[in-house]
Amino acid sequence: MFQQSLDDLGTPLHEATFCVLDLETTGGRRDSDMITEIGAVKYRGGEQLGVFQTLIDPGTAIPPEITVLTGITSVMVSRAPKIEQVLPTLLEFLGGAVIVGHNVGFDLAFLNSALKRSGRNAWNGAKVDTLALARRLVRDEVPNHKLSTLSKYLRLANQPNHRALDDAKATADLLHHLIERASALGVLGLDDLQQLPKMQRHPQAVKLRLTENLPRSAGVYRFVDRRGEVLYVGKATNLRARVRSYFSTDRRRKVDQLLRETQHIEHTVCAGPLEAEVLELRLIQKLRPRFNRRSKN
């Protein structure tokens, strides 16, 4: 019900629907602590589409230290609805949107625990973590990556205060700021944004812009140096994802050297994987790129 298609991952960021979610809870243990407040804001193309906010009766006393942190008391939630009553409306609000959170795993863990207790399936759609993105994009500009610190140093319009809706609005401001920053690295689609934190400050990350025009299609790619020499030929079922993966998961010495020498990337779209494999072999035989393994020649 909540699984997005592979086509959704290639959605341009300005067309993607994001739902920024924040939960307040009685503590940090997903299996025993309970949700006390939900705040969510939905956006597309930077435009706010809707707001969801409600207190939740956790069915247990709110610890004093949590009240000090959030300002939420047991009296405040005594007449609030139970989470089981709220879930249908919340799920309808979330729809097929990409869930965004600051340390989004925390919020999703509590949401899925609530779904499980109510006999519903876990939410397993697309998600984006602004904490992971901030660690990648503004690591050297802030003393830490807490939402409050980032909001202050980046001078975001909304400031968090440990209330769900205010924190969701601050996270939304942060998301839009980080998307703007990420665009300089060739991040144009949802899949690009999700992959970005995995790139771990790659020394050749500035060259991610060379991948901007690569399609999400089967084909053959060629790394080319400043003299026009083809350094490496490869095939892919998804050209964009495969080439960008060199900046994240593949840290072999040969790959680092390849990226250092690469000045632009050429590609040829093919009808399918078989055509791509045939073209790759022909180009390797013809060009004999020095970074291709001898076993392919």
C-alpha atoms as a PDB file:
ATOM      1  CA  MET A   1       0.000   0.000   0.000  1.00  0.00           C
ATOM      2  CA  PHE A   2       2.801   2.398   0.847  1.00  0.00           C
ATOM      3  CA  GLN A   3       5.483   1.123  -1.576  1.00  0.00           C
ATOM      4  CA  GLN A   4       6.493   3.600  -4.272  1.00  0.00           C
ATOM      5  CA  SER A   5       7.345   2.515  -7.811  1.00  0.00           C
ATOM      6  CA  LEU A   6      10.813   2.746  -9.318  1.00  0.00           C
ATOM      7  CA  ASP A   7       9.508   5.443 -11.644  1.00  0.00           C
ATOM      8  CA  ASP A   8       8.752   7.631  -8.616  1.00  0.00           C
ATOM      9  CA  LEU A   9      12.423   7.575  -7.630  1.00  0.00           C
ATOM     10  CA  GLY A  10      13.303   9.372 -10.845  1.00  0.00           C
ATOM     11  CA  THR A  11      10.779  12.141 -10.185  1.00  0.00           C
ATOM     12  CA  PRO A  12      12.319  15.619 -10.527  1.00  0.00           C
ATOM     13  CA  LEU A  13      12.586  17.174  -7.085  1.00  0.00           C
ATOM     14  CA  HIS A  14      10.320  20.094  -7.983  1.00  0.00           C
ATOM     15  CA  GLU A  15       7.583  17.590  -8.859  1.00  0.00           C
ATOM     16  CA  ALA A  16       8.000  15.313  -5.823  1.00  0.00           C
ATOM     17  CA  THR A  17       5.529  15.554  -2.952  1.00  0.00           C
ATOM     18  CA  PHE A  18       7.266  15.665   0.427  1.00  0.00           C
ATOM     19  CA  CYS A  19       5.536  15.180   3.761  1.00  0.00           C
ATOM     20  CA  VAL A  20       7.717  16.436   6.604  1.00  0.00           C
ATOM     21  CA  LEU A  21       6.863  14.468   9.738  1.00  0.00           C
ATOM     22  CA  ASP A  22       7.748  14.998  13.379  1.00  0.00           C
ATOM     23  CA  LEU A  23       6.590  13.011  16.412  1.00  0.00           C
ATOM     24  CA  GLU A  24       6.851  13.815  20.096  1.00  0.00           C
ATOM     25  CA  THR A  25       6.962  10.774  22.380  1.00  0.00           C
ATOM     26  CA  THR A  26       7.124   9.715  26.023  1.00  0.00           C
ATOM     27  CA  GLY A  27      10.724   8.523  25.489  1.00  0.00           C
ATOM     28  CA  GLY A  28      13.122   6.990  23.014  1.00  0.00           C
ATOM     29  CA  ARG A  29      12.109   3.300  23.142  1.00  0.00           C
ATOM     30  CA  ARG A  30       9.925   2.479  20.171  1.00  0.00           C
ATOM     31  CA  ASP A  31       8.489  -0.704  21.705  1.00  0.00           C
ATOM     32  CA  SER A  32       7.452   0.692  25.071  1.00  0.00           C
ATOM     33  CA  ASP A  33       7.227   4.489  24.740  1.00  0.00           C
ATOM     34  CA  MET A  34       4.271   6.127  23.039  1.00  0.00           C
ATOM     35  CA  ILE A  35       3.507   9.015  20.701  1.00  0.00           C
ATOM     36  CA  THR A  36       2.174  12.181  22.354  1.00  0.00           C
ATOM     37  CA  GLU A  37       1.977  14.560  19.381  1.00  0.00           C
ATOM     38  CA  ILE A  38       2.093  14.430  15.585  1.00  0.00           C
ATOM     39  CA  GLY A  39       2.980  17.309  13.295  1.00  0.00           C
ATOM     40  CA  ALA A  40       3.228  17.051   9.504  1.00  0.00           C
ATOM     41  CA  VAL A  41       3.436  19.509   6.627  1.00  0.00           C
ATOM     42  CA  LYS A  42       3.082  18.553   2.973  1.00  0.00           C
ATOM     43  CA  TYR A  43       4.943  20.360   0.176  1.00  0.00           C
ATOM     44  CA  ARG A  44       5.430  20.160  -3.575  1.00  0.00           C
ATOM     45  CA  GLY A  45       7.731  22.477  -5.484  1.00  0.00           C
ATOM     46  CA  GLY A  46       8.287  24.508  -2.326  1.00  0.00           C
ATOM     47  CA  GLU A  47       4.561  25.212  -1.983  1.00  0.00           C
ATOM     48  CA  GLN A  48       2.732  24.141   1.163  1.00  0.00           C
ATOM     49  CA  LEU A  49      -0.161  21.798   0.365  1.00  0.00           C
ATOM     50  CA  GLY A  50      -1.480  20.941   3.813  1.00  0.00           C
ATOM     51  CA  VAL A  51      -0.876  20.708   7.559  1.00  0.00           C
ATOM     52  CA  PHE A  52      -1.632  17.920  10.036  1.00  0.00           C
ATOM     53  CA  GLN A  53      -1.354  18.381  13.808  1.00  0.00           C
ATOM     54  CA  THR A  54      -2.808  16.633  16.827  1.00  0.00           C
ATOM     55  CA  LEU A  55      -1.989  15.719  20.397  1.00  0.00           C
ATOM     56  CA  ILE A  56      -2.212  12.002  21.200  1.00  0.00           C
ATOM     57  CA  ASP A  57      -3.276  10.315  24.420  1.00  0.00           C
ATOM     58  CA  PRO A  58      -0.400   7.863  25.032  1.00  0.00           C
ATOM     59  CA  GLY A  59      -2.410   5.902  27.597  1.00  0.00           C
ATOM     60  CA  THR A  60       0.341   6.414  30.162  1.00  0.00           C
ATOM     61  CA  ALA A  61       1.755   9.233  32.243  1.00  0.00           C
ATOM     62  CA  ILE A  62       4.196  11.579  30.528  1.00  0.00           C
ATOM     63  CA  PRO A  63       7.533  11.555  32.404  1.00  0.00           C
ATOM     64  CA  PRO A  64       8.478  14.888  34.047  1.00  0.00           C
ATOM     65  CA  GLU A  65      11.678  15.187  32.008  1.00  0.00           C
ATOM     66  CA  ILE A  66       9.657  14.906  28.776  1.00  0.00           C
ATOM     67  CA  THR A  67       7.278  17.602  29.979  1.00  0.00           C
ATOM     68  CA  VAL A  68      10.260  19.845  30.702  1.00  0.00           C
ATOM     69  CA  LEU A  69      11.592  19.207  27.180  1.00  0.00           C
ATOM     70  CA  THR A  70       8.357  19.513  25.185  1.00  0.00           C
ATOM     71  CA  GLY A  71       5.945  21.374  27.441  1.00  0.00           C
ATOM     72  CA  ILE A  72       3.381  18.604  26.887  1.00  0.00           C
ATOM     73  CA  THR A  73       1.690  17.479  30.113  1.00  0.00           C
ATOM     74  CA  SER A  74      -0.521  14.525  30.954  1.00  0.00           C
ATOM     75  CA  VAL A  75      -3.421  16.955  31.455  1.00  0.00           C
ATOM     76  CA  MET A  76      -2.969  18.329  27.918  1.00  0.00           C
ATOM     77  CA  VAL A  77      -3.343  14.890  26.337  1.00  0.00           C
ATOM     78  CA  SER A  78      -6.012  13.506  28.677  1.00  0.00           C
ATOM     79  CA  ARG A  79      -8.827  14.323  26.233  1.00  0.00           C
ATOM     80  CA  ALA A  80      -6.797  13.801  23.050  1.00  0.00           C
ATOM     81  CA  PRO A  81      -7.557  10.873  20.717  1.00  0.00           C
ATOM     82  CA  LYS A  82      -5.701   7.571  20.912  1.00  0.00           C
ATOM     83  CA  ILE A  83      -3.186   6.836  18.175  1.00  0.00           C
ATOM     84  CA  GLU A  84      -5.457   4.113  16.765  1.00  0.00           C
ATOM     85  CA  GLN A  85      -8.124   6.743  16.128  1.00  0.00           C
ATOM     86  CA  VAL A  86      -5.681   9.068  14.380  1.00  0.00           C
ATOM     87  CA  LEU A  87      -3.858   6.608  12.120  1.00  0.00           C
ATOM     88  CA  PRO A  88      -6.479   6.414   9.323  1.00  0.00           C
ATOM     89  CA  THR A  89      -6.511  10.199   8.926  1.00  0.00           C
ATOM     90  CA  LEU A  90      -2.727  10.420   9.166  1.00  0.00           C
ATOM     91  CA  LEU A  91      -2.212   7.734   6.536  1.00  0.00           C
ATOM     92  CA  GLU A  92      -4.642   9.486   4.223  1.00  0.00           C
ATOM     93  CA  PHE A  93      -2.700  12.726   4.709  1.00  0.00           C
ATOM     94  CA  LEU A  94       0.635  11.026   4.009  1.00  0.00           C
ATOM     95  CA  GLY A  95      -0.713   9.359   0.882  1.00  0.00           C
ATOM     96  CA  GLY A  96       2.096   8.493  -1.513  1.00  0.00           C
ATOM     97  CA  ALA A  97       4.344  11.342  -0.397  1.00  0.00           C
ATOM     98  CA  VAL A  98       8.020  10.996   0.442  1.00  0.00           C
ATOM     99  CA  ILE A  99       8.351  11.132   4.233  1.00  0.00           C
ATOM    100  CA  VAL A 100      10.986  13.569   5.461  1.00  0.00           C
ATOM    101  CA  GLY A 101      12.356  13.871   8.978  1.00  0.00           C
ATOM    102  CA  HIS A 102      15.404  14.966  10.922  1.00  0.00           C
ATOM    103  CA  ASN A 103      16.692  11.549  11.955  1.00  0.00           C
ATOM    104  CA  VAL A 104      13.678  10.188  10.114  1.00  0.00           C
ATOM    105  CA  GLY A 105      14.366   6.651  11.325  1.00  0.00           C
ATOM    106  CA  PHE A 106      13.223   7.664  14.822  1.00  0.00           C
ATOM    107  CA  ASP A 107       9.856   8.945  13.637  1.00  0.00           C
ATOM    108  CA  LEU A 108       9.277   6.027  11.284  1.00  0.00           C
ATOM    109  CA  ALA A 109      10.132   3.517  14.017  1.00  0.00           C
ATOM    110  CA  PHE A 110       7.401   4.935  16.268  1.00  0.00           C
ATOM    111  CA  LEU A 111       4.939   5.219  13.385  1.00  0.00           C
ATOM    112  CA  ASN A 112       5.519   1.623  12.345  1.00  0.00           C
ATOM    113  CA  SER A 113       5.224   0.395  15.938  1.00  0.00           C
ATOM    114  CA  ALA A 114       1.842   2.112  16.150  1.00  0.00           C
ATOM    115  CA  LEU A 115       0.798   0.625  12.808  1.00  0.00           C
ATOM    116  CA  LYS A 116       1.838  -2.844  13.953  1.00  0.00           C
ATOM    117  CA  ARG A 117      -0.082  -2.565  17.223  1.00  0.00           C
ATOM    118  CA  SER A 118      -3.197  -1.567  15.279  1.00  0.00           C
ATOM    119  CA  GLY A 119      -2.860  -4.525  12.905  1.00  0.00           C
ATOM    120  CA  ARG A 120      -1.744  -2.472   9.906  1.00  0.00           C
ATOM    121  CA  ASN A 121       1.170  -2.942   7.546  1.00  0.00           C
ATOM    122  CA  ALA A 122       4.386  -1.025   8.131  1.00  0.00           C
ATOM    123  CA  TRP A 123       5.023   2.089   6.086  1.00  0.00           C
ATOM    124  CA  ASN A 124       7.836   1.304   3.626  1.00  0.00           C
ATOM    125  CA  GLY A 125       7.689   4.076   1.044  1.00  0.00           C
ATOM    126  CA  ALA A 126      10.387   6.547   0.065  1.00  0.00           C
ATOM    127  CA  LYS A 127      12.020   8.633   2.768  1.00  0.00           C
ATOM    128  CA  VAL A 128      14.584  11.415   3.079  1.00  0.00           C
ATOM    129  CA  ASP A 129      16.645  12.163   6.182  1.00  0.00           C
ATOM    130  CA  THR A 130      17.656  15.812   6.572  1.00  0.00           C
ATOM    131  CA  LEU A 131      20.161  14.811   9.280  1.00  0.00           C
ATOM    132  CA  ALA A 132      22.090  12.636   6.815  1.00  0.00           C
ATOM    133  CA  LEU A 133      21.867  15.325   4.128  1.00  0.00           C
ATOM    134  CA  ALA A 134      23.118  18.016   6.517  1.00  0.00           C
ATOM    135  CA  ARG A 135      26.102  15.878   7.491  1.00  0.00           C
ATOM    136  CA  ARG A 136      26.950  15.646   3.805  1.00  0.00           C
ATOM    137  CA  LEU A 137      26.296  19.239   2.736  1.00  0.00           C
ATOM    138  CA  VAL A 138      27.037  21.573   5.694  1.00  0.00           C
ATOM    139  CA  ARG A 139      29.368  19.460   7.784  1.00  0.00           C
ATOM    140  CA  ASP A 140      32.089  22.109   8.141  1.00  0.00           C
ATOM    141  CA  GLU A 141      29.768  25.058   8.764  1.00  0.00           C
ATOM    142  CA  VAL A 142      28.105  24.070  12.035  1.00  0.00           C
ATOM    143  CA  PRO A 143      29.318  22.735  15.413  1.00  0.00           C
ATOM    144  CA  ASN A 144      26.774  19.882  15.316  1.00  0.00           C
ATOM    145  CA  HIS A 145      23.823  18.719  13.265  1.00  0.00           C
ATOM    146  CA  LYS A 146      20.981  19.107  15.731  1.00  0.00           C
ATOM    147  CA  LEU A 147      17.877  20.635  14.174  1.00  0.00           C
ATOM    148  CA  SER A 148      18.076  23.610  16.560  1.00  0.00           C
ATOM    149  CA  THR A 149      21.704  24.269  15.656  1.00  0.00           C
ATOM    150  CA  LEU A 150      21.123  24.040  11.921  1.00  0.00           C
ATOM    151  CA  SER A 151      18.053  26.264  12.100  1.00  0.00           C
ATOM    152  CA  LYS A 152      20.035  28.916  13.986  1.00  0.00           C
ATOM    153  CA  TYR A 153      23.212  28.856  11.888  1.00  0.00           C
ATOM    154  CA  LEU A 154      21.373  28.695   8.569  1.00  0.00           C
ATOM    155  CA  ARG A 155      18.911  31.380   9.716  1.00  0.00           C
ATOM    156  CA  LEU A 156      15.845  29.397   8.805  1.00  0.00           C
ATOM    157  CA  ALA A 157      12.461  31.089   9.038  1.00  0.00           C
ATOM    158  CA  ASN A 158      11.039  28.508  11.459  1.00  0.00           C
ATOM    159  CA  GLN A 159      12.850  27.525  14.638  1.00  0.00           C
ATOM    160  CA  PRO A 160      12.229  24.193  16.450  1.00  0.00           C
ATOM    161  CA  ASN A 161      10.969  24.042  20.043  1.00  0.00           C
ATOM    162  CA  HIS A 162      10.287  20.313  20.610  1.00  0.00           C
ATOM    163  CA  ARG A 163       6.664  20.657  19.541  1.00  0.00           C
ATOM    164  CA  ALA A 164       5.767  18.474  16.606  1.00  0.00           C
ATOM    165  CA  LEU A 165       4.349  20.998  14.128  1.00  0.00           C
ATOM    166  CA  ASP A 166       6.970  23.667  14.781  1.00  0.00           C
ATOM    167  CA  ASP A 167       9.734  21.081  14.430  1.00  0.00           C
ATOM    168  CA  ALA A 168       8.185  19.793  11.189  1.00  0.00           C
ATOM    169  CA  LYS A 169       8.099  23.321   9.768  1.00  0.00           C
ATOM    170  CA  ALA A 170      11.737  23.881  10.752  1.00  0.00           C
ATOM    171  CA  THR A 171      12.682  20.565   9.123  1.00  0.00           C
ATOM    172  CA  ALA A 172      10.844  21.615   5.968  1.00  0.00           C
ATOM    173  CA  ASP A 173      12.853  24.853   5.843  1.00  0.00           C
ATOM    174  CA  LEU A 174      16.015  22.807   6.264  1.00  0.00           C
ATOM    175  CA  LEU A 175      14.982  20.396   3.495  1.00  0.00           C
ATOM    176  CA  HIS A 176      14.457  23.219   1.011  1.00  0.00           C
ATOM    177  CA  HIS A 177      17.789  24.805   1.971  1.00  0.00           C
ATOM    178  CA  LEU A 178      19.622  21.503   1.507  1.00  0.00           C
ATOM    179  CA  ILE A 179      17.938  20.782  -1.827  1.00  0.00           C
ATOM    180  CA  GLU A 180      19.172  24.143  -3.079  1.00  0.00           C
ATOM    181  CA  ARG A 181      22.690  23.292  -1.927  1.00  0.00           C
ATOM    182  CA  ALA A 182      22.511  19.817  -3.455  1.00  0.00           C
ATOM    183  CA  SER A 183      21.595  21.174  -6.876  1.00  0.00           C
ATOM    184  CA  ALA A 184      25.209  22.330  -7.233  1.00  0.00           C
ATOM    185  CA  LEU A 185      26.221  18.653  -7.144  1.00  0.00           C
ATOM    186  CA  GLY A 186      23.876  17.675  -9.942  1.00  0.00           C
ATOM    187  CA  VAL A 187      21.107  16.478  -7.633  1.00  0.00           C
ATOM    188  CA  LEU A 188      17.945  16.815  -9.708  1.00  0.00           C
ATOM    189  CA  GLY A 189      15.789  13.782  -8.867  1.00  0.00           C
ATOM    190  CA  LEU A 190      14.547  12.003  -5.775  1.00  0.00           C
ATOM    191  CA  ASP A 191      16.956   9.112  -6.307  1.00  0.00           C
ATOM    192  CA  ASP A 192      19.859  11.582  -6.526  1.00  0.00           C
ATOM    193  CA  LEU A 193      18.833  13.131  -3.202  1.00  0.00           C
ATOM    194  CA  GLN A 194      18.530   9.767  -1.465  1.00  0.00           C
ATOM    195  CA  GLN A 195      21.920   8.628  -2.731  1.00  0.00           C
ATOM    196  CA  LEU A 196      23.747  11.840  -1.792  1.00  0.00           C
ATOM    197  CA  PRO A 197      24.448  11.024   1.895  1.00  0.00           C
ATOM    198  CA  LYS A 198      26.177   7.796   0.805  1.00  0.00           C
ATOM    199  CA  MET A 199      28.764   9.709  -1.174  1.00  0.00           C
ATOM    200  CA  GLN A 200      30.694  10.532   1.997  1.00  0.00           C
ATOM    201  CA  ARG A 201      32.444  13.705   0.865  1.00  0.00           C
ATOM    202  CA  HIS A 202      34.029  12.023  -2.136  1.00  0.00           C
ATOM    203  CA  PRO A 203      37.155  13.950  -3.238  1.00  0.00           C
ATOM    204  CA  GLN A 204      35.800  14.099  -6.804  1.00  0.00           C
ATOM    205  CA  ALA A 205      32.251  15.060  -5.766  1.00  0.00           C
ATOM    206  CA  VAL A 206      32.453  18.313  -7.723  1.00  0.00           C
ATOM    207  CA  LYS A 207      32.392  16.182 -10.883  1.00  0.00           C
ATOM    208  CA  LEU A 208      28.920  14.902 -10.029  1.00  0.00           C
ATOM    209  CA  ARG A 209      27.731  17.743 -12.260  1.00  0.00           C
ATOM    210  CA  LEU A 210      29.009  15.711 -15.200  1.00  0.00           C
ATOM    211  CA  THR A 211      26.125  13.292 -14.586  1.00  0.00           C
ATOM    212  CA  GLU A 212      23.344  15.909 -14.808  1.00  0.00           C
ATOM    213  CA  ASN A 213      22.238  14.929 -18.324  1.00  0.00           C
ATOM    214  CA  LEU A 214      22.474  11.176 -17.921  1.00  0.00           C
ATOM    215  CA  PRO A 215      19.094   9.432 -18.387  1.00  0.00           C
ATOM    216  CA  ARG A 216      17.695   6.638 -16.246  1.00  0.00           C
ATOM    217  CA  SER A 217      17.819   4.283 -19.214  1.00  0.00           C
ATOM    218  CA  ALA A 218      19.805   1.269 -20.340  1.00  0.00           C
ATOM    219  CA  GLY A 219      22.921   2.098 -22.302  1.00  0.00           C
ATOM    220  CA  VAL A 220      26.683   2.470 -22.463  1.00  0.00           C
ATOM    221  CA  TYR A 221      28.735   5.194 -20.762  1.00  0.00           C
ATOM    222  CA  ARG A 222      32.258   6.439 -21.491  1.00  0.00           C
ATOM    223  CA  PHE A 223      34.601   8.350 -19.181  1.00  0.00           C
ATOM    224  CA  VAL A 224      36.670  10.777 -21.299  1.00  0.00           C
ATOM    225  CA  ASP A 225      39.764  12.807 -20.347  1.00  0.00           C
ATOM    226  CA  ARG A 226      40.687  16.369 -21.318  1.00  0.00           C
ATOM    227  CA  ARG A 227      42.388  15.193 -24.527  1.00  0.00           C
ATOM    228  CA  GLY A 228      39.320  13.322 -25.699  1.00  0.00           C
ATOM    229  CA  GLU A 229      40.722   9.876 -24.919  1.00  0.00           C
ATOM    230  CA  VAL A 230      38.127   7.372 -23.734  1.00  0.00           C
ATOM    231  CA  LEU A 231      39.385   6.103 -20.385  1.00  0.00           C
ATOM    232  CA  TYR A 232      36.695   3.566 -19.566  1.00  0.00           C
ATOM    233  CA  VAL A 233      33.601   2.024 -21.166  1.00  0.00           C
ATOM    234  CA  GLY A 234      30.794   0.450 -19.163  1.00  0.00           C
ATOM    235  CA  LYS A 235      27.188  -0.676 -19.534  1.00  0.00           C
ATOM    236  CA  ALA A 236      24.211  -0.083 -17.272  1.00  0.00           C
ATOM    237  CA  THR A 237      20.504  -0.760 -17.014  1.00  0.00           C
ATOM    238  CA  ASN A 238      20.212   2.731 -15.441  1.00  0.00           C
ATOM    239  CA  LEU A 239      22.937   5.020 -16.781  1.00  0.00           C
ATOM    240  CA  ARG A 240      22.439   7.802 -14.254  1.00  0.00           C
ATOM    241  CA  ALA A 241      22.391   5.573 -11.181  1.00  0.00           C
ATOM    242  CA  ARG A 242      25.369   3.484 -12.320  1.00  0.00           C
ATOM    243  CA  VAL A 243      27.659   6.396 -13.136  1.00  0.00           C
ATOM    244  CA  ARG A 244      26.780   8.269  -9.938  1.00  0.00           C
ATOM    245  CA  SER A 245      27.533   5.118  -7.938  1.00  0.00           C
ATOM    246  CA  TYR A 246      31.230   5.588  -8.744  1.00  0.00           C
ATOM    247  CA  PHE A 247      31.125   8.559  -6.369  1.00  0.00           C
ATOM    248  CA  SER A 248      29.603   6.585  -3.494  1.00  0.00           C
ATOM    249  CA  THR A 249      30.047   2.838  -3.240  1.00  0.00           C
ATOM    250  CA  ASP A 250      33.114   2.201  -5.372  1.00  0.00           C
ATOM    251  CA  ARG A 251      36.291   3.435  -3.675  1.00  0.00           C
ATOM    252  CA  ARG A 252      38.873   1.239  -5.389  1.00  0.00           C
ATOM    253  CA  ARG A 253      42.176   2.950  -6.162  1.00  0.00           C
ATOM    254  CA  LYS A 254      41.658   2.476  -9.906  1.00  0.00           C
ATOM    255  CA  VAL A 255      38.273   4.207  -9.708  1.00  0.00           C
ATOM    256  CA  ASP A 256      39.688   7.180  -7.795  1.00  0.00           C
ATOM    257  CA  GLN A 257      42.315   7.623 -10.491  1.00  0.00           C
ATOM    258  CA  LEU A 258      39.690   7.273 -13.227  1.00  0.00           C
ATOM    259  CA  LEU A 259      37.560  10.014 -11.710  1.00  0.00           C
ATOM    260  CA  ARG A 260      40.542  12.325 -11.267  1.00  0.00           C
ATOM    261  CA  GLU A 261      41.347  12.100 -14.976  1.00  0.00           C
ATOM    262  CA  THR A 262      37.761  12.290 -16.251  1.00  0.00           C
ATOM    263  CA  GLN A 263      36.678  15.624 -17.732  1.00  0.00           C
ATOM    264  CA  HIS A 264      33.367  14.644 -19.281  1.00  0.00           C
ATOM    265  CA  ILE A 265      31.083  11.632 -19.610  1.00  0.00           C
ATOM    266  CA  GLU A 266      29.502  10.453 -22.846  1.00  0.00           C
ATOM    267  CA  HIS A 267      26.630   8.015 -23.158  1.00  0.00           C
ATOM    268  CA  THR A 268      24.589   6.069 -25.692  1.00  0.00           C
ATOM    269  CA  VAL A 269      21.038   4.998 -24.871  1.00  0.00           C
ATOM    270  CA  CYS A 270      20.198   1.414 -25.884  1.00  0.00           C
ATOM    271  CA  ALA A 271      16.915  -0.426 -26.342  1.00  0.00           C
ATOM    272  CA  GLY A 272      17.779  -2.827 -23.534  1.00  0.00           C
ATOM    273  CA  PRO A 273      20.521  -4.589 -21.561  1.00  0.00           C
ATOM    274  CA  LEU A 274      21.428  -6.982 -24.378  1.00  0.00           C
ATOM    275  CA  GLU A 275      22.029  -4.184 -26.877  1.00  0.00           C
ATOM    276  CA  ALA A 276      24.061  -2.334 -24.236  1.00  0.00           C
ATOM    277  CA  GLU A 277      26.237  -5.389 -23.604  1.00  0.00           C
ATOM    278  CA  VAL A 278      26.957  -5.841 -27.308  1.00  0.00           C
ATOM    279  CA  LEU A 279      27.810  -2.150 -27.776  1.00  0.00           C
ATOM    280  CA  GLU A 280      30.045  -2.165 -24.700  1.00  0.00           C
ATOM    281  CA  LEU A 281      32.078  -5.098 -26.042  1.00  0.00           C
ATOM    282  CA  ARG A 282      32.411  -3.500 -29.472  1.00  0.00           C
ATOM    283  CA  LEU A 283      33.609  -0.174 -28.017  1.00  0.00           C
ATOM    284  CA  ILE A 284      36.118  -1.870 -25.723  1.00  0.00           C
ATOM    285  CA  GLN A 285      37.529  -3.829 -28.645  1.00  0.00           C
ATOM    286  CA  LYS A 286      37.680  -0.711 -30.810  1.00  0.00           C
ATOM    287  CA  LEU A 287      38.959   1.850 -28.269  1.00  0.00           C
ATOM    288  CA  ARG A 288      40.892  -0.407 -25.863  1.00  0.00           C
ATOM    289  CA  PRO A 289      40.383   1.969 -22.889  1.00  0.00           C
ATOM    290  CA  ARG A 290      43.219   1.670 -20.400  1.00  0.00           C
ATOM    291  CA  PHE A 291      40.949   1.492 -17.349  1.00  0.00           C
ATOM    292  CA  ASN A 292      38.964  -1.485 -18.610  1.00  0.00           C
ATOM    293  CA  ARG A 293      40.072  -4.852 -17.326  1.00  0.00           C
ATOM    294  CA  ARG A 294      41.975  -7.012 -19.809  1.00  0.00           C
ATOM    295  CA  SER A 295      39.402  -9.759 -19.479  1.00  0.00           C
ATOM    296  CA  LYS A 296      36.961  -7.592 -21.426  1.00  0.00           C
ATOM    297  CA  ASN A 297      39.288  -7.090 -24.391  1.00  0.00           C
END
